[in-house]
Amino acid sequence: MKIYTKTGDKGQTSLIGGTRVPKYHLRIEAYGTVDELNSYIGLIMCQDIDLQYKELLKEIQDRLFTVGASLAADPEKSKMKIPDLHDGDIILLENEMDLMNEVLPTLKHFVLPGGNTVVSYCHIARCVCRRAERLIVELAENSFVDERVSIYLNRLSDYLFVLARKLNMDFSAEENIWIPRV
């Protein structure tokens, strides 16, 4: 099977269900941004971090493929069985954040991104995740999107922030805090 189809050469692509839309369509932007996020998660996994983080990040990548499939399907025409998110996927992220927060110092200032390379990748992924969430919230105003998709991305961006803080601690890197000039 060839990877190229030539069906998108004129700026159109197909949703699951057969609907053709322009490549700049909000639905395409949304799942393209989720794909970008998934790539950054993969980059974080390639770093020298604890295996438990890598295992959860792999599960997150799987859930992001689920999100992408959900967004790539035309909600009115697709008859294909699409995997879905479960409430437990959201709870898992919340529980992992709670565990990390038990050992982290209380947050008293805004945190500037950085500290070391893997922490910076976490912050980039967090920002891409927030962008995906914004696009999906906008998409949901005019088209069906399972509400768990935006909730999951909201929690995932929080998880990536807490993971960045925890990795800073794991690597004994100083947390960059923002002290505003006043």
N, C-alpha and C. Protein backbone atom coordinates (compact mmCIF):
# COMPACT_ATOMS: atom_id res chain seq x y z
N MET A 1 0.84 -1.18 0.00
CA MET A 1 0.00 0.00 0.00
C MET A 1 0.89 1.24 0.00
N LYS A 2 0.60 2.16 -0.88
CA LYS A 2 1.34 3.41 -0.94
C LYS A 2 0.81 4.37 0.10
N ILE A 3 1.72 5.15 0.67
CA ILE A 3 1.33 6.11 1.70
C ILE A 3 0.68 7.35 1.08
N TYR A 4 1.02 7.63 -0.16
CA TYR A 4 0.42 8.80 -0.81
C TYR A 4 -0.77 8.37 -1.64
N THR A 5 -1.80 9.22 -1.61
CA THR A 5 -3.04 8.91 -2.33
C THR A 5 -3.32 9.93 -3.43
N LYS A 6 -2.73 11.09 -3.33
CA LYS A 6 -2.92 12.22 -4.25
C LYS A 6 -4.32 12.84 -4.13
N THR A 7 -5.15 12.33 -3.21
CA THR A 7 -6.51 12.87 -3.09
C THR A 7 -6.54 14.22 -2.38
N GLY A 8 -5.45 14.58 -1.74
CA GLY A 8 -5.41 15.87 -1.04
C GLY A 8 -4.64 16.94 -1.78
N ASP A 9 -4.26 16.67 -3.02
CA ASP A 9 -3.42 17.60 -3.77
C ASP A 9 -4.08 18.93 -4.05
N LYS A 10 -5.38 18.99 -3.99
CA LYS A 10 -6.09 20.24 -4.27
C LYS A 10 -6.61 20.91 -3.00
N GLY A 11 -6.03 20.53 -1.84
CA GLY A 11 -6.36 21.21 -0.60
C GLY A 11 -7.58 20.69 0.13
N GLN A 12 -8.04 19.51 -0.24
CA GLN A 12 -9.19 18.89 0.43
C GLN A 12 -8.73 17.59 1.07
N THR A 13 -9.42 17.17 2.12
CA THR A 13 -9.16 15.88 2.75
C THR A 13 -10.49 15.28 3.18
N SER A 14 -10.47 14.00 3.49
CA SER A 14 -11.71 13.32 3.88
C SER A 14 -11.75 13.05 5.36
N LEU A 15 -12.91 13.25 5.94
CA LEU A 15 -13.17 12.83 7.31
C LEU A 15 -13.61 11.38 7.27
N ILE A 16 -13.52 10.70 8.41
CA ILE A 16 -14.08 9.36 8.50
C ILE A 16 -15.58 9.50 8.29
N GLY A 17 -16.10 8.82 7.30
CA GLY A 17 -17.49 8.97 6.89
C GLY A 17 -17.59 9.47 5.46
N GLY A 18 -16.45 9.96 4.92
CA GLY A 18 -16.38 10.34 3.52
C GLY A 18 -16.54 11.81 3.22
N THR A 19 -16.96 12.61 4.16
CA THR A 19 -17.14 14.04 3.91
C THR A 19 -15.80 14.68 3.55
N ARG A 20 -15.78 15.44 2.46
CA ARG A 20 -14.57 16.16 2.04
C ARG A 20 -14.64 17.57 2.62
N VAL A 21 -13.53 18.00 3.20
CA VAL A 21 -13.44 19.35 3.78
C VAL A 21 -12.10 19.95 3.39
N PRO A 22 -12.01 21.29 3.42
CA PRO A 22 -10.71 21.91 3.16
C PRO A 22 -9.72 21.58 4.28
N LYS A 23 -8.46 21.52 3.94
CA LYS A 23 -7.44 21.15 4.92
C LYS A 23 -7.31 22.17 6.05
N TYR A 24 -7.86 23.36 5.86
CA TYR A 24 -7.82 24.36 6.92
C TYR A 24 -9.07 24.30 7.80
N HIS A 25 -9.96 23.35 7.56
CA HIS A 25 -11.19 23.20 8.34
C HIS A 25 -10.84 23.07 9.83
N LEU A 26 -11.66 23.63 10.68
CA LEU A 26 -11.41 23.63 12.11
C LEU A 26 -11.24 22.21 12.66
N ARG A 27 -11.99 21.26 12.15
CA ARG A 27 -11.87 19.88 12.60
C ARG A 27 -10.47 19.33 12.27
N ILE A 28 -9.95 19.69 11.11
CA ILE A 28 -8.61 19.25 10.69
C ILE A 28 -7.56 19.94 11.57
N GLU A 29 -7.74 21.23 11.81
CA GLU A 29 -6.82 21.96 12.70
C GLU A 29 -6.79 21.32 14.08
N ALA A 30 -7.97 20.93 14.57
CA ALA A 30 -8.06 20.35 15.91
C ALA A 30 -7.31 19.03 15.98
N TYR A 31 -7.59 18.08 15.07
CA TYR A 31 -6.90 16.80 15.21
C TYR A 31 -5.46 16.88 14.75
N GLY A 32 -5.13 17.84 13.90
CA GLY A 32 -3.72 18.06 13.56
C GLY A 32 -2.93 18.57 14.76
N THR A 33 -3.55 19.40 15.56
CA THR A 33 -2.88 19.90 16.76
C THR A 33 -2.74 18.80 17.80
N VAL A 34 -3.73 17.91 17.88
CA VAL A 34 -3.61 16.76 18.78
C VAL A 34 -2.46 15.86 18.32
N ASP A 35 -2.29 15.71 17.01
CA ASP A 35 -1.18 14.93 16.47
C ASP A 35 0.16 15.58 16.82
N GLU A 36 0.23 16.90 16.71
CA GLU A 36 1.44 17.63 17.10
C GLU A 36 1.75 17.41 18.58
N LEU A 37 0.73 17.48 19.41
CA LEU A 37 0.89 17.22 20.83
C LEU A 37 1.43 15.81 21.06
N ASN A 38 0.88 14.84 20.36
CA ASN A 38 1.31 13.46 20.51
C ASN A 38 2.79 13.31 20.15
N SER A 39 3.24 14.06 19.16
CA SER A 39 4.66 14.01 18.79
C SER A 39 5.54 14.57 19.90
N TYR A 40 5.09 15.64 20.54
CA TYR A 40 5.86 16.18 21.67
C TYR A 40 5.87 15.21 22.85
N ILE A 41 4.77 14.52 23.07
CA ILE A 41 4.74 13.50 24.14
C ILE A 41 5.79 12.43 23.82
N GLY A 42 5.88 12.04 22.55
CA GLY A 42 6.90 11.07 22.14
C GLY A 42 8.30 11.59 22.39
N LEU A 43 8.52 12.87 22.18
CA LEU A 43 9.82 13.47 22.44
C LEU A 43 10.16 13.43 23.93
N ILE A 44 9.18 13.69 24.77
CA ILE A 44 9.39 13.61 26.22
C ILE A 44 9.76 12.17 26.60
N MET A 45 9.08 11.21 26.00
CA MET A 45 9.34 9.80 26.32
C MET A 45 10.76 9.38 25.92
N CYS A 46 11.35 10.04 24.94
CA CYS A 46 12.69 9.69 24.48
C CYS A 46 13.78 10.20 25.42
N GLN A 47 13.40 10.97 26.42
CA GLN A 47 14.37 11.53 27.35
C GLN A 47 14.67 10.54 28.46
N ASP A 48 15.70 10.83 29.21
CA ASP A 48 16.12 9.97 30.31
C ASP A 48 15.26 10.27 31.54
N ILE A 49 14.05 9.70 31.54
CA ILE A 49 13.12 9.90 32.65
C ILE A 49 12.72 8.53 33.19
N ASP A 50 12.13 8.53 34.36
CA ASP A 50 11.72 7.29 35.02
C ASP A 50 10.74 6.50 34.15
N LEU A 51 10.85 5.19 34.23
CA LEU A 51 10.01 4.29 33.45
C LEU A 51 8.52 4.50 33.73
N GLN A 52 8.16 4.82 34.97
CA GLN A 52 6.73 5.02 35.27
C GLN A 52 6.16 6.19 34.48
N TYR A 53 6.96 7.25 34.29
CA TYR A 53 6.48 8.37 33.46
C TYR A 53 6.31 7.91 32.02
N LYS A 54 7.28 7.16 31.52
CA LYS A 54 7.22 6.69 30.13
C LYS A 54 6.00 5.82 29.90
N GLU A 55 5.68 4.97 30.86
CA GLU A 55 4.52 4.09 30.70
C GLU A 55 3.22 4.89 30.64
N LEU A 56 3.10 5.88 31.51
CA LEU A 56 1.89 6.70 31.48
C LEU A 56 1.85 7.54 30.21
N LEU A 57 2.98 8.08 29.79
CA LEU A 57 3.00 8.87 28.56
C LEU A 57 2.62 8.03 27.35
N LYS A 58 3.00 6.76 27.34
CA LYS A 58 2.60 5.85 26.24
C LYS A 58 1.08 5.68 26.25
N GLU A 59 0.52 5.53 27.44
CA GLU A 59 -0.94 5.43 27.54
C GLU A 59 -1.61 6.72 27.08
N ILE A 60 -1.02 7.86 27.43
CA ILE A 60 -1.55 9.15 26.98
C ILE A 60 -1.50 9.22 25.46
N GLN A 61 -0.41 8.75 24.86
CA GLN A 61 -0.33 8.75 23.40
C GLN A 61 -1.47 7.94 22.80
N ASP A 62 -1.77 6.81 23.40
CA ASP A 62 -2.88 5.98 22.92
C ASP A 62 -4.20 6.75 23.02
N ARG A 63 -4.40 7.42 24.15
CA ARG A 63 -5.64 8.21 24.31
C ARG A 63 -5.69 9.35 23.30
N LEU A 64 -4.55 9.93 22.97
CA LEU A 64 -4.53 11.02 21.98
C LEU A 64 -4.89 10.49 20.59
N PHE A 65 -4.52 9.25 20.29
CA PHE A 65 -4.97 8.65 19.03
C PHE A 65 -6.49 8.47 19.06
N THR A 66 -7.03 8.10 20.22
CA THR A 66 -8.48 7.99 20.38
C THR A 66 -9.13 9.35 20.13
N VAL A 67 -8.57 10.40 20.73
CA VAL A 67 -9.09 11.75 20.52
C VAL A 67 -9.03 12.12 19.04
N GLY A 68 -7.90 11.83 18.41
CA GLY A 68 -7.74 12.15 16.99
C GLY A 68 -8.77 11.44 16.12
N ALA A 69 -9.01 10.16 16.41
CA ALA A 69 -10.01 9.41 15.65
C ALA A 69 -11.39 10.00 15.85
N SER A 70 -11.70 10.37 17.07
CA SER A 70 -13.00 10.98 17.36
C SER A 70 -13.17 12.28 16.58
N LEU A 71 -12.12 13.08 16.52
CA LEU A 71 -12.20 14.36 15.83
C LEU A 71 -12.19 14.20 14.31
N ALA A 72 -11.56 13.13 13.81
CA ALA A 72 -11.46 12.90 12.37
C ALA A 72 -12.75 12.34 11.78
N ALA A 73 -13.67 11.92 12.62
CA ALA A 73 -14.92 11.33 12.15
C ALA A 73 -15.99 12.41 11.97
N ASP A 74 -16.68 12.34 10.85
CA ASP A 74 -17.82 13.23 10.64
C ASP A 74 -18.93 12.75 11.57
N PRO A 75 -19.33 13.57 12.55
CA PRO A 75 -20.31 13.12 13.54
C PRO A 75 -21.67 12.80 12.93
N GLU A 76 -21.94 13.30 11.73
CA GLU A 76 -23.24 13.06 11.12
C GLU A 76 -23.23 11.91 10.11
N LYS A 77 -22.05 11.52 9.59
CA LYS A 77 -22.02 10.52 8.52
C LYS A 77 -21.23 9.26 8.83
N SER A 78 -20.32 9.34 9.79
CA SER A 78 -19.48 8.17 10.05
C SER A 78 -20.26 7.07 10.74
N LYS A 79 -20.16 5.88 10.20
CA LYS A 79 -20.78 4.71 10.81
C LYS A 79 -19.71 3.79 11.40
N MET A 80 -18.45 4.22 11.28
CA MET A 80 -17.33 3.43 11.78
C MET A 80 -17.30 3.47 13.31
N LYS A 81 -17.02 2.33 13.92
CA LYS A 81 -16.88 2.29 15.39
C LYS A 81 -15.56 2.96 15.75
N ILE A 82 -15.65 4.04 16.51
CA ILE A 82 -14.50 4.83 16.91
C ILE A 82 -14.25 4.56 18.39
N PRO A 83 -12.98 4.35 18.78
CA PRO A 83 -12.71 4.20 20.21
C PRO A 83 -13.12 5.47 20.96
N ASP A 84 -13.42 5.34 22.23
CA ASP A 84 -13.83 6.52 22.97
C ASP A 84 -13.04 6.64 24.28
N LEU A 85 -13.08 7.84 24.80
CA LEU A 85 -12.48 8.10 26.10
C LEU A 85 -13.44 7.65 27.19
N HIS A 86 -12.89 7.30 28.33
CA HIS A 86 -13.69 6.93 29.49
C HIS A 86 -13.41 7.92 30.61
N ASP A 87 -14.33 8.03 31.52
CA ASP A 87 -14.11 8.89 32.68
C ASP A 87 -12.84 8.48 33.43
N GLY A 88 -12.54 7.18 33.43
CA GLY A 88 -11.34 6.68 34.09
C GLY A 88 -10.05 7.24 33.50
N ASP A 89 -10.06 7.61 32.22
CA ASP A 89 -8.87 8.21 31.60
C ASP A 89 -8.57 9.57 32.22
N ILE A 90 -9.63 10.30 32.52
CA ILE A 90 -9.49 11.62 33.16
C ILE A 90 -9.08 11.45 34.62
N ILE A 91 -9.70 10.51 35.29
CA ILE A 91 -9.39 10.25 36.70
C ILE A 91 -7.93 9.82 36.86
N LEU A 92 -7.43 9.03 35.93
CA LEU A 92 -6.03 8.60 35.98
C LEU A 92 -5.09 9.81 36.01
N LEU A 93 -5.33 10.78 35.15
CA LEU A 93 -4.49 11.98 35.12
C LEU A 93 -4.60 12.74 36.44
N GLU A 94 -5.81 12.85 36.97
CA GLU A 94 -6.00 13.55 38.24
C GLU A 94 -5.26 12.84 39.37
N ASN A 95 -5.36 11.51 39.41
CA ASN A 95 -4.67 10.75 40.45
C ASN A 95 -3.16 10.89 40.35
N GLU A 96 -2.63 10.87 39.13
CA GLU A 96 -1.19 11.02 38.94
C GLU A 96 -0.72 12.40 39.38
N MET A 97 -1.52 13.42 39.08
CA MET A 97 -1.17 14.77 39.53
C MET A 97 -1.19 14.85 41.05
N ASP A 98 -2.19 14.25 41.67
CA ASP A 98 -2.28 14.26 43.13
C ASP A 98 -1.07 13.61 43.76
N LEU A 99 -0.62 12.49 43.20
CA LEU A 99 0.57 11.81 43.73
C LEU A 99 1.82 12.69 43.62
N MET A 100 1.99 13.32 42.47
CA MET A 100 3.17 14.18 42.29
C MET A 100 3.10 15.40 43.21
N ASN A 101 1.90 15.96 43.35
CA ASN A 101 1.75 17.15 44.19
C ASN A 101 2.02 16.88 45.66
N GLU A 102 1.88 15.63 46.08
CA GLU A 102 2.18 15.29 47.48
C GLU A 102 3.64 15.56 47.84
N VAL A 103 4.53 15.47 46.87
CA VAL A 103 5.96 15.65 47.15
C VAL A 103 6.51 16.97 46.63
N LEU A 104 5.72 17.69 45.87
CA LEU A 104 6.18 18.97 45.33
C LEU A 104 5.98 20.09 46.34
N PRO A 105 6.85 21.09 46.30
CA PRO A 105 6.62 22.24 47.17
C PRO A 105 5.36 22.99 46.72
N THR A 106 4.72 23.63 47.67
CA THR A 106 3.53 24.42 47.36
C THR A 106 3.87 25.48 46.34
N LEU A 107 3.01 25.63 45.37
CA LEU A 107 3.21 26.61 44.32
C LEU A 107 2.80 27.99 44.84
N LYS A 108 3.77 28.89 44.93
CA LYS A 108 3.50 30.23 45.46
C LYS A 108 3.69 31.32 44.40
N HIS A 109 4.25 30.94 43.26
CA HIS A 109 4.53 31.89 42.17
C HIS A 109 4.19 31.22 40.85
N PHE A 110 4.03 32.04 39.81
CA PHE A 110 3.96 31.48 38.48
C PHE A 110 5.32 30.88 38.15
N VAL A 111 5.32 29.84 37.34
CA VAL A 111 6.55 29.16 36.96
C VAL A 111 6.89 29.52 35.52
N LEU A 112 8.12 29.95 35.30
CA LEU A 112 8.60 30.21 33.95
C LEU A 112 9.04 28.88 33.34
N PRO A 113 8.68 28.62 32.08
CA PRO A 113 9.10 27.37 31.46
C PRO A 113 10.63 27.25 31.43
N GLY A 114 11.11 26.05 31.67
CA GLY A 114 12.54 25.79 31.62
C GLY A 114 13.01 25.05 32.85
N GLY A 115 14.29 24.94 32.97
CA GLY A 115 14.91 24.21 34.07
C GLY A 115 15.90 23.21 33.50
N ASN A 116 15.43 22.43 32.54
CA ASN A 116 16.28 21.57 31.75
C ASN A 116 15.51 21.18 30.49
N THR A 117 16.13 20.40 29.62
CA THR A 117 15.53 20.11 28.32
C THR A 117 14.20 19.38 28.43
N VAL A 118 14.14 18.31 29.20
CA VAL A 118 12.89 17.54 29.27
C VAL A 118 11.77 18.37 29.89
N VAL A 119 12.10 19.20 30.85
CA VAL A 119 11.08 20.08 31.46
C VAL A 119 10.57 21.07 30.42
N SER A 120 11.48 21.58 29.61
CA SER A 120 11.07 22.51 28.54
C SER A 120 10.16 21.81 27.54
N TYR A 121 10.45 20.55 27.20
CA TYR A 121 9.58 19.79 26.30
C TYR A 121 8.18 19.63 26.92
N CYS A 122 8.14 19.40 28.22
CA CYS A 122 6.83 19.30 28.90
C CYS A 122 6.04 20.59 28.77
N HIS A 123 6.72 21.72 28.92
CA HIS A 123 6.03 23.01 28.80
C HIS A 123 5.56 23.26 27.37
N ILE A 124 6.37 22.87 26.38
CA ILE A 124 5.94 23.02 24.99
C ILE A 124 4.70 22.15 24.76
N ALA A 125 4.75 20.90 25.22
CA ALA A 125 3.60 20.00 25.06
C ALA A 125 2.37 20.59 25.76
N ARG A 126 2.56 21.17 26.93
CA ARG A 126 1.44 21.79 27.66
C ARG A 126 0.81 22.91 26.83
N CYS A 127 1.64 23.73 26.21
CA CYS A 127 1.12 24.83 25.39
C CYS A 127 0.38 24.31 24.15
N VAL A 128 0.91 23.29 23.51
CA VAL A 128 0.24 22.70 22.35
C VAL A 128 -1.08 22.07 22.79
N CYS A 129 -1.09 21.44 23.96
CA CYS A 129 -2.30 20.85 24.50
C CYS A 129 -3.37 21.91 24.73
N ARG A 130 -2.98 23.05 25.27
CA ARG A 130 -3.94 24.14 25.49
C ARG A 130 -4.49 24.66 24.17
N ARG A 131 -3.62 24.74 23.15
CA ARG A 131 -4.09 25.17 21.83
C ARG A 131 -5.10 24.17 21.27
N ALA A 132 -4.80 22.88 21.40
CA ALA A 132 -5.74 21.85 20.94
C ALA A 132 -7.07 21.99 21.66
N GLU A 133 -7.01 22.21 22.95
CA GLU A 133 -8.23 22.37 23.74
C GLU A 133 -9.04 23.57 23.24
N ARG A 134 -8.37 24.68 22.98
CA ARG A 134 -9.09 25.87 22.50
C ARG A 134 -9.77 25.59 21.16
N LEU A 135 -9.08 24.92 20.26
CA LEU A 135 -9.65 24.59 18.95
C LEU A 135 -10.85 23.67 19.09
N ILE A 136 -10.75 22.71 20.00
CA ILE A 136 -11.83 21.74 20.19
C ILE A 136 -13.04 22.40 20.83
N VAL A 137 -12.83 23.30 21.76
CA VAL A 137 -13.94 24.04 22.37
C VAL A 137 -14.66 24.86 21.29
N GLU A 138 -13.89 25.49 20.41
CA GLU A 138 -14.50 26.24 19.31
C GLU A 138 -15.27 25.30 18.37
N LEU A 139 -14.67 24.18 18.02
CA LEU A 139 -15.33 23.21 17.15
C LEU A 139 -16.64 22.74 17.76
N ALA A 140 -16.64 22.51 19.06
CA ALA A 140 -17.83 21.99 19.76
C ALA A 140 -18.99 22.98 19.76
N GLU A 141 -18.72 24.25 19.48
CA GLU A 141 -19.80 25.22 19.41
C GLU A 141 -20.72 24.98 18.22
N ASN A 142 -20.18 24.36 17.15
CA ASN A 142 -20.97 24.18 15.93
C ASN A 142 -21.10 22.73 15.48
N SER A 143 -20.42 21.83 16.15
CA SER A 143 -20.42 20.44 15.72
C SER A 143 -20.27 19.55 16.95
N PHE A 144 -20.78 18.31 16.86
CA PHE A 144 -20.68 17.44 18.01
C PHE A 144 -19.24 17.06 18.30
N VAL A 145 -18.84 17.22 19.56
CA VAL A 145 -17.57 16.72 20.07
C VAL A 145 -17.89 16.17 21.46
N ASP A 146 -17.48 14.93 21.71
CA ASP A 146 -17.68 14.34 23.03
C ASP A 146 -17.04 15.26 24.07
N GLU A 147 -17.80 15.67 25.08
CA GLU A 147 -17.29 16.62 26.08
C GLU A 147 -16.05 16.08 26.81
N ARG A 148 -15.90 14.75 26.87
CA ARG A 148 -14.73 14.19 27.54
C ARG A 148 -13.44 14.53 26.81
N VAL A 149 -13.52 14.85 25.52
CA VAL A 149 -12.33 15.21 24.76
C VAL A 149 -11.73 16.50 25.31
N SER A 150 -12.54 17.53 25.47
CA SER A 150 -12.00 18.79 25.98
C SER A 150 -11.63 18.67 27.46
N ILE A 151 -12.39 17.90 28.22
CA ILE A 151 -12.04 17.69 29.63
C ILE A 151 -10.70 16.97 29.73
N TYR A 152 -10.52 15.92 28.91
CA TYR A 152 -9.27 15.16 28.94
C TYR A 152 -8.08 16.07 28.60
N LEU A 153 -8.23 16.90 27.58
CA LEU A 153 -7.12 17.78 27.20
C LEU A 153 -6.86 18.84 28.28
N ASN A 154 -7.92 19.29 28.93
CA ASN A 154 -7.73 20.23 30.03
C ASN A 154 -6.91 19.60 31.14
N ARG A 155 -7.26 18.37 31.52
CA ARG A 155 -6.49 17.67 32.56
C ARG A 155 -5.09 17.34 32.09
N LEU A 156 -4.95 16.98 30.81
CA LEU A 156 -3.63 16.63 30.30
C LEU A 156 -2.69 17.82 30.34
N SER A 157 -3.17 19.01 30.03
CA SER A 157 -2.30 20.18 30.11
C SER A 157 -1.89 20.44 31.56
N ASP A 158 -2.80 20.23 32.49
CA ASP A 158 -2.45 20.35 33.91
C ASP A 158 -1.42 19.28 34.29
N TYR A 159 -1.64 18.05 33.82
CA TYR A 159 -0.70 16.96 34.12
C TYR A 159 0.70 17.30 33.60
N LEU A 160 0.77 17.84 32.38
CA LEU A 160 2.08 18.18 31.81
C LEU A 160 2.78 19.27 32.62
N PHE A 161 2.00 20.20 33.16
CA PHE A 161 2.58 21.23 34.02
C PHE A 161 3.14 20.61 35.30
N VAL A 162 2.35 19.76 35.94
CA VAL A 162 2.80 19.12 37.18
C VAL A 162 3.99 18.19 36.89
N LEU A 163 3.94 17.48 35.77
CA LEU A 163 5.06 16.62 35.40
C LEU A 163 6.33 17.45 35.21
N ALA A 164 6.22 18.60 34.60
CA ALA A 164 7.38 19.48 34.43
C ALA A 164 7.97 19.85 35.79
N ARG A 165 7.11 20.21 36.71
CA ARG A 165 7.59 20.55 38.06
C ARG A 165 8.25 19.35 38.73
N LYS A 166 7.63 18.18 38.59
CA LYS A 166 8.17 16.97 39.23
C LYS A 166 9.50 16.57 38.60
N LEU A 167 9.61 16.69 37.29
CA LEU A 167 10.89 16.37 36.64
C LEU A 167 11.98 17.35 37.05
N ASN A 168 11.61 18.61 37.22
CA ASN A 168 12.59 19.57 37.75
C ASN A 168 13.11 19.10 39.10
N MET A 169 12.20 18.63 39.93
CA MET A 169 12.59 18.13 41.24
C MET A 169 13.46 16.87 41.10
N ASP A 170 13.03 15.94 40.23
CA ASP A 170 13.78 14.69 40.03
C ASP A 170 15.21 14.95 39.58
N PHE A 171 15.39 15.97 38.76
CA PHE A 171 16.72 16.30 38.23
C PHE A 171 17.45 17.34 39.08
N SER A 172 16.87 17.67 40.22
CA SER A 172 17.46 18.67 41.12
C SER A 172 17.75 19.99 40.41
N ALA A 173 16.87 20.34 39.50
CA ALA A 173 17.00 21.61 38.79
C ALA A 173 16.18 22.67 39.53
N GLU A 174 16.66 23.87 39.52
CA GLU A 174 15.95 24.95 40.18
C GLU A 174 14.72 25.34 39.36
N GLU A 175 13.60 25.47 40.04
CA GLU A 175 12.37 25.88 39.37
C GLU A 175 12.45 27.37 39.09
N ASN A 176 12.19 27.73 37.84
CA ASN A 176 12.21 29.14 37.45
C ASN A 176 10.89 29.78 37.85
N ILE A 177 10.93 30.66 38.80
CA ILE A 177 9.69 31.33 39.21
C ILE A 177 9.68 32.75 38.68
N TRP A 178 8.48 33.23 38.47
CA TRP A 178 8.31 34.58 37.97
C TRP A 178 8.06 35.52 39.13
N ILE A 179 8.93 36.49 39.27
CA ILE A 179 8.75 37.56 40.25
C ILE A 179 8.50 38.82 39.45
N PRO A 180 7.27 39.28 39.41
CA PRO A 180 6.96 40.45 38.57
C PRO A 180 7.63 41.72 39.07
N ARG A 181 8.04 42.55 38.12
CA ARG A 181 8.55 43.87 38.47
C ARG A 181 7.37 44.76 38.82
N VAL A 182 7.44 45.36 39.95
CA VAL A 182 6.35 46.28 40.31
C VAL A 182 6.93 47.55 40.87
